[in-house]
Amino acid sequence: MTVKILVDEMDDGMDEKLNELGFEAFSVKKLLTKGKNLRTDYSIINYAKENKMILVTRDTESGQACQENNLPCILLDNAEIFKIVVEKLKNFLKFFTLHQYITSLRRGFL
């Protein structure tokens, strides 16, 4: 059985990456350009339900609607995304600080 995935507009492009990994993924944004009527959260959720898809979204209301109606959904939590951003910033700053230190050594400032 192939799992079908519907990626909400905010993460357009994730569908392509999922397809490369062997999933059958579709993007709301791309479906809109093909004439599908997916302009509201209700339409998107209904489309996912009718086509037996898992919805991937950052939209909290859509995530709650899926949960209330027992529809499969992956809610990309902003708090988790924020943690990833902070961790990457810390790594960047470590590299940047190390790079500055090495550059200063090379220039004879330290």
PDB file of N, CA and C in Angstrom:
ATOM      1  N   MET A   1       0.838  -1.185   0.000  1.00  0.00           N
ATOM      2  CA  MET A   1       0.000   0.000   0.000  1.00  0.00           C
ATOM      3  C   MET A   1       0.886   1.253   0.000  1.00  0.00           C
ATOM      4  N   THR A   2       0.622   2.131  -0.919  1.00  0.00           N
ATOM      5  CA  THR A   2       1.365   3.376  -0.999  1.00  0.00           C
ATOM      6  C   THR A   2       0.706   4.423  -0.109  1.00  0.00           C
ATOM      7  N   VAL A   3       1.519   5.085   0.673  1.00  0.00           N
ATOM      8  CA  VAL A   3       1.028   6.164   1.518  1.00  0.00           C
ATOM      9  C   VAL A   3       1.064   7.449   0.702  1.00  0.00           C
ATOM     10  N   LYS A   4      -0.083   8.126   0.623  1.00  0.00           N
ATOM     11  CA  LYS A   4      -0.146   9.401  -0.090  1.00  0.00           C
ATOM     12  C   LYS A   4      -0.062  10.534   0.923  1.00  0.00           C
ATOM     13  N   ILE A   5       0.690  11.549   0.540  1.00  0.00           N
ATOM     14  CA  ILE A   5       0.929  12.671   1.441  1.00  0.00           C
ATOM     15  C   ILE A   5       0.536  13.962   0.743  1.00  0.00           C
ATOM     16  N   LEU A   6      -0.147  14.834   1.477  1.00  0.00           N
ATOM     17  CA  LEU A   6      -0.497  16.163   0.978  1.00  0.00           C
ATOM     18  C   LEU A   6       0.256  17.189   1.814  1.00  0.00           C
ATOM     19  N   VAL A   7       1.127  17.949   1.151  1.00  0.00           N
ATOM     20  CA  VAL A   7       1.944  18.952   1.830  1.00  0.00           C
ATOM     21  C   VAL A   7       1.277  20.314   1.673  1.00  0.00           C
ATOM     22  N   ASP A   8       1.003  20.965   2.790  1.00  0.00           N
ATOM     23  CA  ASP A   8       0.353  22.275   2.785  1.00  0.00           C
ATOM     24  C   ASP A   8       1.251  23.316   2.115  1.00  0.00           C
ATOM     25  N   GLU A   9       0.650  24.444   1.759  1.00  0.00           N
ATOM     26  CA  GLU A   9       1.334  25.480   0.967  1.00  0.00           C
ATOM     27  C   GLU A   9       2.633  25.990   1.575  1.00  0.00           C
ATOM     28  N   MET A  10       2.687  26.120   2.877  1.00  0.00           N
ATOM     29  CA  MET A  10       3.866  26.707   3.524  1.00  0.00           C
ATOM     30  C   MET A  10       5.127  25.882   3.302  1.00  0.00           C
ATOM     31  N   ASP A  11       4.961  24.614   2.997  1.00  0.00           N
ATOM     32  CA  ASP A  11       6.118  23.736   2.818  1.00  0.00           C
ATOM     33  C   ASP A  11       6.199  23.174   1.407  1.00  0.00           C
ATOM     34  N   ASP A  12       5.740  23.968   0.443  1.00  0.00           N
ATOM     35  CA  ASP A  12       5.851  23.573  -0.956  1.00  0.00           C
ATOM     36  C   ASP A  12       7.311  23.252  -1.257  1.00  0.00           C
ATOM     37  N   GLY A  13       7.539  22.170  -1.929  1.00  0.00           N
ATOM     38  CA  GLY A  13       8.894  21.712  -2.220  1.00  0.00           C
ATOM     39  C   GLY A  13       9.225  20.462  -1.416  1.00  0.00           C
ATOM     40  N   MET A  14       8.610  20.343  -0.227  1.00  0.00           N
ATOM     41  CA  MET A  14       8.811  19.141   0.571  1.00  0.00           C
ATOM     42  C   MET A  14       8.259  17.923  -0.172  1.00  0.00           C
ATOM     43  N   ASP A  15       7.201  18.138  -0.957  1.00  0.00           N
ATOM     44  CA  ASP A  15       6.617  17.044  -1.731  1.00  0.00           C
ATOM     45  C   ASP A  15       7.648  16.433  -2.673  1.00  0.00           C
ATOM     46  N   GLU A  16       8.453  17.273  -3.307  1.00  0.00           N
ATOM     47  CA  GLU A  16       9.471  16.790  -4.239  1.00  0.00           C
ATOM     48  C   GLU A  16      10.517  15.946  -3.512  1.00  0.00           C
ATOM     49  N   LYS A  17      10.922  16.404  -2.340  1.00  0.00           N
ATOM     50  CA  LYS A  17      11.912  15.662  -1.555  1.00  0.00           C
ATOM     51  C   LYS A  17      11.340  14.328  -1.083  1.00  0.00           C
ATOM     52  N   LEU A  18      10.071  14.333  -0.676  1.00  0.00           N
ATOM     53  CA  LEU A  18       9.426  13.090  -0.247  1.00  0.00           C
ATOM     54  C   LEU A  18       9.284  12.122  -1.420  1.00  0.00           C
ATOM     55  N   ASN A  19       8.957  12.649  -2.594  1.00  0.00           N
ATOM     56  CA  ASN A  19       8.862  11.805  -3.789  1.00  0.00           C
ATOM     57  C   ASN A  19      10.202  11.151  -4.100  1.00  0.00           C
ATOM     58  N   GLU A  20      11.288  11.896  -3.937  1.00  0.00           N
ATOM     59  CA  GLU A  20      12.632  11.350  -4.167  1.00  0.00           C
ATOM     60  C   GLU A  20      12.938  10.195  -3.218  1.00  0.00           C
ATOM     61  N   LEU A  21      12.317  10.227  -2.038  1.00  0.00           N
ATOM     62  CA  LEU A  21      12.517   9.159  -1.053  1.00  0.00           C
ATOM     63  C   LEU A  21      11.553   7.993  -1.251  1.00  0.00           C
ATOM     64  N   GLY A  22      10.703   8.077  -2.278  1.00  0.00           N
ATOM     65  CA  GLY A  22       9.802   6.978  -2.590  1.00  0.00           C
ATOM     66  C   GLY A  22       8.371   7.143  -2.118  1.00  0.00           C
ATOM     67  N   PHE A  23       8.058   8.273  -1.498  1.00  0.00           N
ATOM     68  CA  PHE A  23       6.680   8.529  -1.074  1.00  0.00           C
ATOM     69  C   PHE A  23       5.889   9.094  -2.248  1.00  0.00           C
ATOM     70  N   GLU A  24       4.588   8.980  -2.158  1.00  0.00           N
ATOM     71  CA  GLU A  24       3.707   9.597  -3.151  1.00  0.00           C
ATOM     72  C   GLU A  24       3.168  10.883  -2.521  1.00  0.00           C
ATOM     73  N   ALA A  25       3.831  11.988  -2.821  1.00  0.00           N
ATOM     74  CA  ALA A  25       3.510  13.252  -2.160  1.00  0.00           C
ATOM     75  C   ALA A  25       3.039  14.294  -3.161  1.00  0.00           C
ATOM     76  N   PHE A  26       2.118  15.119  -2.692  1.00  0.00           N
ATOM     77  CA  PHE A  26       1.535  16.173  -3.519  1.00  0.00           C
ATOM     78  C   PHE A  26       1.567  17.478  -2.735  1.00  0.00           C
ATOM     79  N   SER A  27       1.653  18.569  -3.456  1.00  0.00           N
ATOM     80  CA  SER A  27       1.704  19.887  -2.849  1.00  0.00           C
ATOM     81  C   SER A  27       0.400  20.631  -3.115  1.00  0.00           C
ATOM     82  N   VAL A  28      -0.154  21.245  -2.077  1.00  0.00           N
ATOM     83  CA  VAL A  28      -1.365  22.058  -2.244  1.00  0.00           C
ATOM     84  C   VAL A  28      -1.107  23.145  -3.280  1.00  0.00           C
ATOM     85  N   LYS A  29       0.046  23.778  -3.191  1.00  0.00           N
ATOM     86  CA  LYS A  29       0.383  24.872  -4.107  1.00  0.00           C
ATOM     87  C   LYS A  29       0.386  24.399  -5.563  1.00  0.00           C
ATOM     88  N   LYS A  30       0.970  23.237  -5.810  1.00  0.00           N
ATOM     89  CA  LYS A  30       1.022  22.712  -7.180  1.00  0.00           C
ATOM     90  C   LYS A  30      -0.364  22.263  -7.647  1.00  0.00           C
ATOM     91  N   LEU A  31      -1.140  21.692  -6.735  1.00  0.00           N
ATOM     92  CA  LEU A  31      -2.500  21.276  -7.092  1.00  0.00           C
ATOM     93  C   LEU A  31      -3.368  22.486  -7.427  1.00  0.00           C
ATOM     94  N   LEU A  32      -3.138  23.600  -6.744  1.00  0.00           N
ATOM     95  CA  LEU A  32      -3.863  24.841  -7.057  1.00  0.00           C
ATOM     96  C   LEU A  32      -3.567  25.292  -8.483  1.00  0.00           C
ATOM     97  N   THR A  33      -2.304  25.183  -8.892  1.00  0.00           N
ATOM     98  CA  THR A  33      -1.945  25.601 -10.258  1.00  0.00           C
ATOM     99  C   THR A  33      -2.551  24.676 -11.304  1.00  0.00           C
ATOM    100  N   LYS A  34      -2.939  23.470 -10.875  1.00  0.00           N
ATOM    101  CA  LYS A  34      -3.592  22.525 -11.791  1.00  0.00           C
ATOM    102  C   LYS A  34      -5.109  22.661 -11.751  1.00  0.00           C
ATOM    103  N   GLY A  35      -5.593  23.685 -11.033  1.00  0.00           N
ATOM    104  CA  GLY A  35      -7.026  23.963 -11.023  1.00  0.00           C
ATOM    105  C   GLY A  35      -7.823  23.351  -9.889  1.00  0.00           C
ATOM    106  N   LYS A  36      -7.164  22.682  -8.945  1.00  0.00           N
ATOM    107  CA  LYS A  36      -7.895  22.116  -7.802  1.00  0.00           C
ATOM    108  C   LYS A  36      -8.363  23.251  -6.895  1.00  0.00           C
ATOM    109  N   ASN A  37      -9.559  23.098  -6.352  1.00  0.00           N
ATOM    110  CA  ASN A  37     -10.142  24.114  -5.479  1.00  0.00           C
ATOM    111  C   ASN A  37      -9.712  23.843  -4.036  1.00  0.00           C
ATOM    112  N   LEU A  38      -8.546  24.368  -3.668  1.00  0.00           N
ATOM    113  CA  LEU A  38      -7.976  24.118  -2.342  1.00  0.00           C
ATOM    114  C   LEU A  38      -7.566  25.428  -1.680  1.00  0.00           C
ATOM    115  N   ARG A  39      -8.489  26.364  -1.616  1.00  0.00           N
ATOM    116  CA  ARG A  39      -8.159  27.693  -1.094  1.00  0.00           C
ATOM    117  C   ARG A  39      -8.452  27.850   0.401  1.00  0.00           C
ATOM    118  N   THR A  40      -9.213  26.934   0.976  1.00  0.00           N
ATOM    119  CA  THR A  40      -9.533  27.030   2.407  1.00  0.00           C
ATOM    120  C   THR A  40      -9.012  25.798   3.149  1.00  0.00           C
ATOM    121  N   ASP A  41      -8.852  25.952   4.453  1.00  0.00           N
ATOM    122  CA  ASP A  41      -8.422  24.814   5.272  1.00  0.00           C
ATOM    123  C   ASP A  41      -9.400  23.653   5.125  1.00  0.00           C
ATOM    124  N   TYR A  42     -10.692  23.975   5.114  1.00  0.00           N
ATOM    125  CA  TYR A  42     -11.708  22.932   4.977  1.00  0.00           C
ATOM    126  C   TYR A  42     -11.507  22.151   3.684  1.00  0.00           C
ATOM    127  N   SER A  43     -11.297  22.865   2.582  1.00  0.00           N
ATOM    128  CA  SER A  43     -11.105  22.210   1.281  1.00  0.00           C
ATOM    129  C   SER A  43      -9.875  21.314   1.288  1.00  0.00           C
ATOM    130  N   ILE A  44      -8.807  21.800   1.897  1.00  0.00           N
ATOM    131  CA  ILE A  44      -7.560  21.031   1.950  1.00  0.00           C
ATOM    132  C   ILE A  44      -7.756  19.759   2.774  1.00  0.00           C
ATOM    133  N   ILE A  45      -8.366  19.901   3.944  1.00  0.00           N
ATOM    134  CA  ILE A  45      -8.601  18.745   4.813  1.00  0.00           C
ATOM    135  C   ILE A  45      -9.536  17.753   4.133  1.00  0.00           C
ATOM    136  N   ASN A  46     -10.574  18.253   3.508  1.00  0.00           N
ATOM    137  CA  ASN A  46     -11.521  17.398   2.809  1.00  0.00           C
ATOM    138  C   ASN A  46     -10.843  16.659   1.650  1.00  0.00           C
ATOM    139  N   TYR A  47      -9.991  17.352   0.908  1.00  0.00           N
ATOM    140  CA  TYR A  47      -9.261  16.735  -0.207  1.00  0.00           C
ATOM    141  C   TYR A  47      -8.371  15.603   0.316  1.00  0.00           C
ATOM    142  N   ALA A  48      -7.682  15.863   1.416  1.00  0.00           N
ATOM    143  CA  ALA A  48      -6.827  14.832   2.012  1.00  0.00           C
ATOM    144  C   ALA A  48      -7.667  13.627   2.443  1.00  0.00           C
ATOM    145  N   LYS A  49      -8.822  13.887   3.041  1.00  0.00           N
ATOM    146  CA  LYS A  49      -9.703  12.804   3.490  1.00  0.00           C
ATOM    147  C   LYS A  49     -10.210  11.988   2.307  1.00  0.00           C
ATOM    148  N   GLU A  50     -10.729  12.672   1.279  1.00  0.00           N
ATOM    149  CA  GLU A  50     -11.284  11.985   0.109  1.00  0.00           C
ATOM    150  C   GLU A  50     -10.241  11.153  -0.630  1.00  0.00           C
ATOM    151  N   ASN A  51      -8.995  11.603  -0.601  1.00  0.00           N
ATOM    152  CA  ASN A  51      -7.932  10.917  -1.330  1.00  0.00           C
ATOM    153  C   ASN A  51      -7.050  10.054  -0.431  1.00  0.00           C
ATOM    154  N   LYS A  52      -7.520   9.849   0.815  1.00  0.00           N
ATOM    155  CA  LYS A  52      -6.824   9.002   1.788  1.00  0.00           C
ATOM    156  C   LYS A  52      -5.351   9.393   1.913  1.00  0.00           C
ATOM    157  N   MET A  53      -5.149  10.675   2.212  1.00  0.00           N
ATOM    158  CA  MET A  53      -3.807  11.232   2.315  1.00  0.00           C
ATOM    159  C   MET A  53      -3.500  11.638   3.751  1.00  0.00           C
ATOM    160  N   ILE A  54      -2.214  11.685   4.058  1.00  0.00           N
ATOM    161  CA  ILE A  54      -1.743  12.254   5.317  1.00  0.00           C
ATOM    162  C   ILE A  54      -1.420  13.713   5.032  1.00  0.00           C
ATOM    163  N   LEU A  55      -1.985  14.612   5.809  1.00  0.00           N
ATOM    164  CA  LEU A  55      -1.728  16.038   5.625  1.00  0.00           C
ATOM    165  C   LEU A  55      -0.511  16.451   6.452  1.00  0.00           C
ATOM    166  N   VAL A  56       0.429  17.135   5.805  1.00  0.00           N
ATOM    167  CA  VAL A  56       1.588  17.712   6.490  1.00  0.00           C
ATOM    168  C   VAL A  56       1.381  19.219   6.482  1.00  0.00           C
ATOM    169  N   THR A  57       1.295  19.823   7.674  1.00  0.00           N
ATOM    170  CA  THR A  57       0.964  21.243   7.759  1.00  0.00           C
ATOM    171  C   THR A  57       1.629  21.910   8.955  1.00  0.00           C
ATOM    172  N   ARG A  58       1.769  23.221   8.875  1.00  0.00           N
ATOM    173  CA  ARG A  58       2.196  24.035  10.023  1.00  0.00           C
ATOM    174  C   ARG A  58       0.994  24.749  10.628  1.00  0.00           C
ATOM    175  N   ASP A  59      -0.138  24.654   9.968  1.00  0.00           N
ATOM    176  CA  ASP A  59      -1.352  25.355  10.376  1.00  0.00           C
ATOM    177  C   ASP A  59      -1.976  24.639  11.573  1.00  0.00           C
ATOM    178  N   THR A  60      -1.924  25.276  12.726  1.00  0.00           N
ATOM    179  CA  THR A  60      -2.427  24.672  13.958  1.00  0.00           C
ATOM    180  C   THR A  60      -3.902  24.334  13.867  1.00  0.00           C
ATOM    181  N   GLU A  61      -4.689  25.216  13.264  1.00  0.00           N
ATOM    182  CA  GLU A  61      -6.128  24.949  13.132  1.00  0.00           C
ATOM    183  C   GLU A  61      -6.381  23.716  12.276  1.00  0.00           C
ATOM    184  N   SER A  62      -5.649  23.570  11.187  1.00  0.00           N
ATOM    185  CA  SER A  62      -5.801  22.381  10.343  1.00  0.00           C
ATOM    186  C   SER A  62      -5.402  21.132  11.120  1.00  0.00           C
ATOM    187  N   GLY A  63      -4.320  21.241  11.881  1.00  0.00           N
ATOM    188  CA  GLY A  63      -3.882  20.112  12.698  1.00  0.00           C
ATOM    189  C   GLY A  63      -4.930  19.708  13.717  1.00  0.00           C
ATOM    190  N   GLN A  64      -5.541  20.703  14.363  1.00  0.00           N
ATOM    191  CA  GLN A  64      -6.593  20.421  15.344  1.00  0.00           C
ATOM    192  C   GLN A  64      -7.821  19.823  14.669  1.00  0.00           C
ATOM    193  N   ALA A  65      -8.174  20.345  13.491  1.00  0.00           N
ATOM    194  CA  ALA A  65      -9.336  19.818  12.762  1.00  0.00           C
ATOM    195  C   ALA A  65      -9.104  18.357  12.382  1.00  0.00           C
ATOM    196  N   CYS A  66      -7.900  18.037  11.959  1.00  0.00           N
ATOM    197  CA  CYS A  66      -7.575  16.645  11.627  1.00  0.00           C
ATOM    198  C   CYS A  66      -7.700  15.764  12.864  1.00  0.00           C
ATOM    199  N   GLN A  67      -7.159  16.246  13.977  1.00  0.00           N
ATOM    200  CA  GLN A  67      -7.202  15.480  15.217  1.00  0.00           C
ATOM    201  C   GLN A  67      -8.645  15.244  15.664  1.00  0.00           C
ATOM    202  N   GLU A  68      -9.470  16.285  15.612  1.00  0.00           N
ATOM    203  CA  GLU A  68     -10.870  16.167  16.031  1.00  0.00           C
ATOM    204  C   GLU A  68     -11.655  15.201  15.154  1.00  0.00           C
ATOM    205  N   ASN A  69     -11.238  15.056  13.900  1.00  0.00           N
ATOM    206  CA  ASN A  69     -11.965  14.204  12.960  1.00  0.00           C
ATOM    207  C   ASN A  69     -11.230  12.905  12.643  1.00  0.00           C
ATOM    208  N   ASN A  70     -10.245  12.570  13.473  1.00  0.00           N
ATOM    209  CA  ASN A  70      -9.468  11.336  13.306  1.00  0.00           C
ATOM    210  C   ASN A  70      -8.870  11.186  11.913  1.00  0.00           C
ATOM    211  N   LEU A  71      -8.346  12.283  11.379  1.00  0.00           N
ATOM    212  CA  LEU A  71      -7.687  12.245  10.080  1.00  0.00           C
ATOM    213  C   LEU A  71      -6.178  12.277  10.308  1.00  0.00           C
ATOM    214  N   PRO A  72      -5.440  11.485   9.538  1.00  0.00           N
ATOM    215  CA  PRO A  72      -3.989  11.473   9.728  1.00  0.00           C
ATOM    216  C   PRO A  72      -3.358  12.802   9.335  1.00  0.00           C
ATOM    217  N   CYS A  73      -2.543  13.327  10.221  1.00  0.00           N
ATOM    218  CA  CYS A  73      -1.942  14.638  10.000  1.00  0.00           C
ATOM    219  C   CYS A  73      -0.607  14.714  10.727  1.00  0.00           C
ATOM    220  N   ILE A  74       0.348  15.362  10.096  1.00  0.00           N
ATOM    221  CA  ILE A  74       1.616  15.661  10.754  1.00  0.00           C
ATOM    222  C   ILE A  74       1.668  17.172  10.905  1.00  0.00           C
ATOM    223  N   LEU A  75       1.577  17.630  12.145  1.00  0.00           N
ATOM    224  CA  LEU A  75       1.626  19.058  12.431  1.00  0.00           C
ATOM    225  C   LEU A  75       3.070  19.431  12.726  1.00  0.00           C
ATOM    226  N   LEU A  76       3.622  20.274  11.877  1.00  0.00           N
ATOM    227  CA  LEU A  76       4.988  20.751  12.078  1.00  0.00           C
ATOM    228  C   LEU A  76       4.933  21.856  13.121  1.00  0.00           C
ATOM    229  N   ASP A  77       5.336  21.515  14.315  1.00  0.00           N
ATOM    230  CA  ASP A  77       5.220  22.390  15.467  1.00  0.00           C
ATOM    231  C   ASP A  77       6.259  23.508  15.408  1.00  0.00           C
ATOM    232  N   ASN A  78       5.814  24.749  15.541  1.00  0.00           N
ATOM    233  CA  ASN A  78       6.722  25.893  15.489  1.00  0.00           C
ATOM    234  C   ASN A  78       7.754  25.877  16.613  1.00  0.00           C
ATOM    235  N   ALA A  79       7.392  25.334  17.761  1.00  0.00           N
ATOM    236  CA  ALA A  79       8.344  25.256  18.875  1.00  0.00           C
ATOM    237  C   ALA A  79       9.511  24.339  18.510  1.00  0.00           C
ATOM    238  N   GLU A  80       9.220  23.224  17.862  1.00  0.00           N
ATOM    239  CA  GLU A  80      10.277  22.302  17.437  1.00  0.00           C
ATOM    240  C   GLU A  80      11.147  22.941  16.363  1.00  0.00           C
ATOM    241  N   ILE A  81      10.518  23.626  15.431  1.00  0.00           N
ATOM    242  CA  ILE A  81      11.264  24.314  14.375  1.00  0.00           C
ATOM    243  C   ILE A  81      12.161  25.378  14.995  1.00  0.00           C
ATOM    244  N   PHE A  82      11.649  26.102  15.984  1.00  0.00           N
ATOM    245  CA  PHE A  82      12.428  27.128  16.669  1.00  0.00           C
ATOM    246  C   PHE A  82      13.663  26.522  17.337  1.00  0.00           C
ATOM    247  N   LYS A  83      13.496  25.356  17.987  1.00  0.00           N
ATOM    248  CA  LYS A  83      14.631  24.684  18.627  1.00  0.00           C
ATOM    249  C   LYS A  83      15.714  24.351  17.600  1.00  0.00           C
ATOM    250  N   ILE A  84      15.302  23.892  16.434  1.00  0.00           N
ATOM    251  CA  ILE A  84      16.257  23.565  15.370  1.00  0.00           C
ATOM    252  C   ILE A  84      16.999  24.823  14.925  1.00  0.00           C
ATOM    253  N   VAL A  85      16.264  25.920  14.751  1.00  0.00           N
ATOM    254  CA  VAL A  85      16.882  27.189  14.339  1.00  0.00           C
ATOM    255  C   VAL A  85      17.902  27.645  15.382  1.00  0.00           C
ATOM    256  N   VAL A  86      17.537  27.591  16.654  1.00  0.00           N
ATOM    257  CA  VAL A  86      18.439  28.020  17.724  1.00  0.00           C
ATOM    258  C   VAL A  86      19.698  27.157  17.733  1.00  0.00           C
ATOM    259  N   GLU A  87      19.538  25.850  17.601  1.00  0.00           N
ATOM    260  CA  GLU A  87      20.696  24.944  17.593  1.00  0.00           C
ATOM    261  C   GLU A  87      21.621  25.245  16.416  1.00  0.00           C
ATOM    262  N   LYS A  88      21.046  25.481  15.253  1.00  0.00           N
ATOM    263  CA  LYS A  88      21.858  25.816  14.077  1.00  0.00           C
ATOM    264  C   LYS A  88      22.559  27.157  14.258  1.00  0.00           C
ATOM    265  N   LEU A  89      21.880  28.108  14.880  1.00  0.00           N
ATOM    266  CA  LEU A  89      22.513  29.403  15.158  1.00  0.00           C
ATOM    267  C   LEU A  89      23.687  29.247  16.122  1.00  0.00           C
ATOM    268  N   LYS A  90      23.502  28.404  17.142  1.00  0.00           N
ATOM    269  CA  LYS A  90      24.595  28.155  18.086  1.00  0.00           C
ATOM    270  C   LYS A  90      25.798  27.562  17.360  1.00  0.00           C
ATOM    271  N   ASN A  91      25.541  26.593  16.479  1.00  0.00           N
ATOM    272  CA  ASN A  91      26.628  25.984  15.708  1.00  0.00           C
ATOM    273  C   ASN A  91      27.295  27.012  14.809  1.00  0.00           C
ATOM    274  N   PHE A  92      26.486  27.851  14.191  1.00  0.00           N
ATOM    275  CA  PHE A  92      27.029  28.901  13.328  1.00  0.00           C
ATOM    276  C   PHE A  92      27.912  29.845  14.129  1.00  0.00           C
ATOM    277  N   LEU A  93      27.427  30.261  15.301  1.00  0.00           N
ATOM    278  CA  LEU A  93      28.189  31.189  16.131  1.00  0.00           C
ATOM    279  C   LEU A  93      29.482  30.563  16.636  1.00  0.00           C
ATOM    280  N   LYS A  94      29.444  29.254  16.959  1.00  0.00           N
ATOM    281  CA  LYS A  94      30.673  28.565  17.362  1.00  0.00           C
ATOM    282  C   LYS A  94      31.680  28.613  16.221  1.00  0.00           C
ATOM    283  N   PHE A  95      31.219  28.292  15.018  1.00  0.00           N
ATOM    284  CA  PHE A  95      32.099  28.310  13.850  1.00  0.00           C
ATOM    285  C   PHE A  95      32.608  29.717  13.599  1.00  0.00           C
ATOM    286  N   PHE A  96      31.696  30.688  13.661  1.00  0.00           N
ATOM    287  CA  PHE A  96      32.058  32.075  13.378  1.00  0.00           C
ATOM    288  C   PHE A  96      33.085  32.573  14.389  1.00  0.00           C
ATOM    289  N   THR A  97      32.865  32.273  15.671  1.00  0.00           N
ATOM    290  CA  THR A  97      33.788  32.686  16.724  1.00  0.00           C
ATOM    291  C   THR A  97      35.140  32.005  16.534  1.00  0.00           C
ATOM    292  N   LEU A  98      35.136  30.712  16.231  1.00  0.00           N
ATOM    293  CA  LEU A  98      36.372  29.982  15.987  1.00  0.00           C
ATOM    294  C   LEU A  98      37.092  30.559  14.773  1.00  0.00           C
ATOM    295  N   HIS A  99      36.338  30.841  13.726  1.00  0.00           N
ATOM    296  CA  HIS A  99      36.910  31.418  12.508  1.00  0.00           C
ATOM    297  C   HIS A  99      37.544  32.782  12.809  1.00  0.00           C
ATOM    298  N   GLN A 100      36.855  33.601  13.596  1.00  0.00           N
ATOM    299  CA  GLN A 100      37.400  34.914  13.972  1.00  0.00           C
ATOM    300  C   GLN A 100      38.693  34.748  14.771  1.00  0.00           C
ATOM    301  N   TYR A 101      38.700  33.793  15.677  1.00  0.00           N
ATOM    302  CA  TYR A 101      39.871  33.542  16.513  1.00  0.00           C
ATOM    303  C   TYR A 101      41.064  33.136  15.645  1.00  0.00           C
ATOM    304  N   ILE A 102      40.840  32.184  14.733  1.00  0.00           N
ATOM    305  CA  ILE A 102      41.912  31.718  13.851  1.00  0.00           C
ATOM    306  C   ILE A 102      42.409  32.854  12.965  1.00  0.00           C
ATOM    307  N   THR A 103      41.482  33.634  12.429  1.00  0.00           N
ATOM    308  CA  THR A 103      41.859  34.777  11.587  1.00  0.00           C
ATOM    309  C   THR A 103      42.698  35.769  12.380  1.00  0.00           C
ATOM    310  N   SER A 104      42.312  36.024  13.624  1.00  0.00           N
ATOM    311  CA  SER A 104      43.069  36.941  14.483  1.00  0.00           C
ATOM    312  C   SER A 104      44.470  36.410  14.744  1.00  0.00           C
ATOM    313  N   LEU A 105      44.586  35.094  14.972  1.00  0.00           N
ATOM    314  CA  LEU A 105      45.901  34.487  15.182  1.00  0.00           C
ATOM    315  C   LEU A 105      46.778  34.668  13.949  1.00  0.00           C
ATOM    316  N   ARG A 106      46.185  34.425  12.787  1.00  0.00           N
ATOM    317  CA  ARG A 106      46.938  34.540  11.536  1.00  0.00           C
ATOM    318  C   ARG A 106      47.396  35.972  11.286  1.00  0.00           C
ATOM    319  N   ARG A 107      46.611  36.915  11.696  1.00  0.00           N
ATOM    320  CA  ARG A 107      46.952  38.325  11.472  1.00  0.00           C
ATOM    321  C   ARG A 107      47.852  38.874  12.578  1.00  0.00           C
ATOM    322  N   GLY A 108      48.102  38.058  13.598  1.00  0.00           N
ATOM    323  CA  GLY A 108      48.989  38.467  14.673  1.00  0.00           C
ATOM    324  C   GLY A 108      48.347  39.358  15.713  1.00  0.00           C
ATOM    325  N   PHE A 109      46.997  39.330  15.766  1.00  0.00           N
ATOM    326  CA  PHE A 109      46.303  40.167  16.743  1.00  0.00           C
ATOM    327  C   PHE A 109      46.268  39.530  18.123  1.00  0.00           C
ATOM    328  N   LEU A 110      46.469  38.236  18.206  1.00  0.00           N
ATOM    329  CA  LEU A 110      46.415  37.554  19.517  1.00  0.00           C
ATOM    330  C   LEU A 110      47.763  36.963  19.862  1.00  0.00           C
TER     331      LEU A 110
END
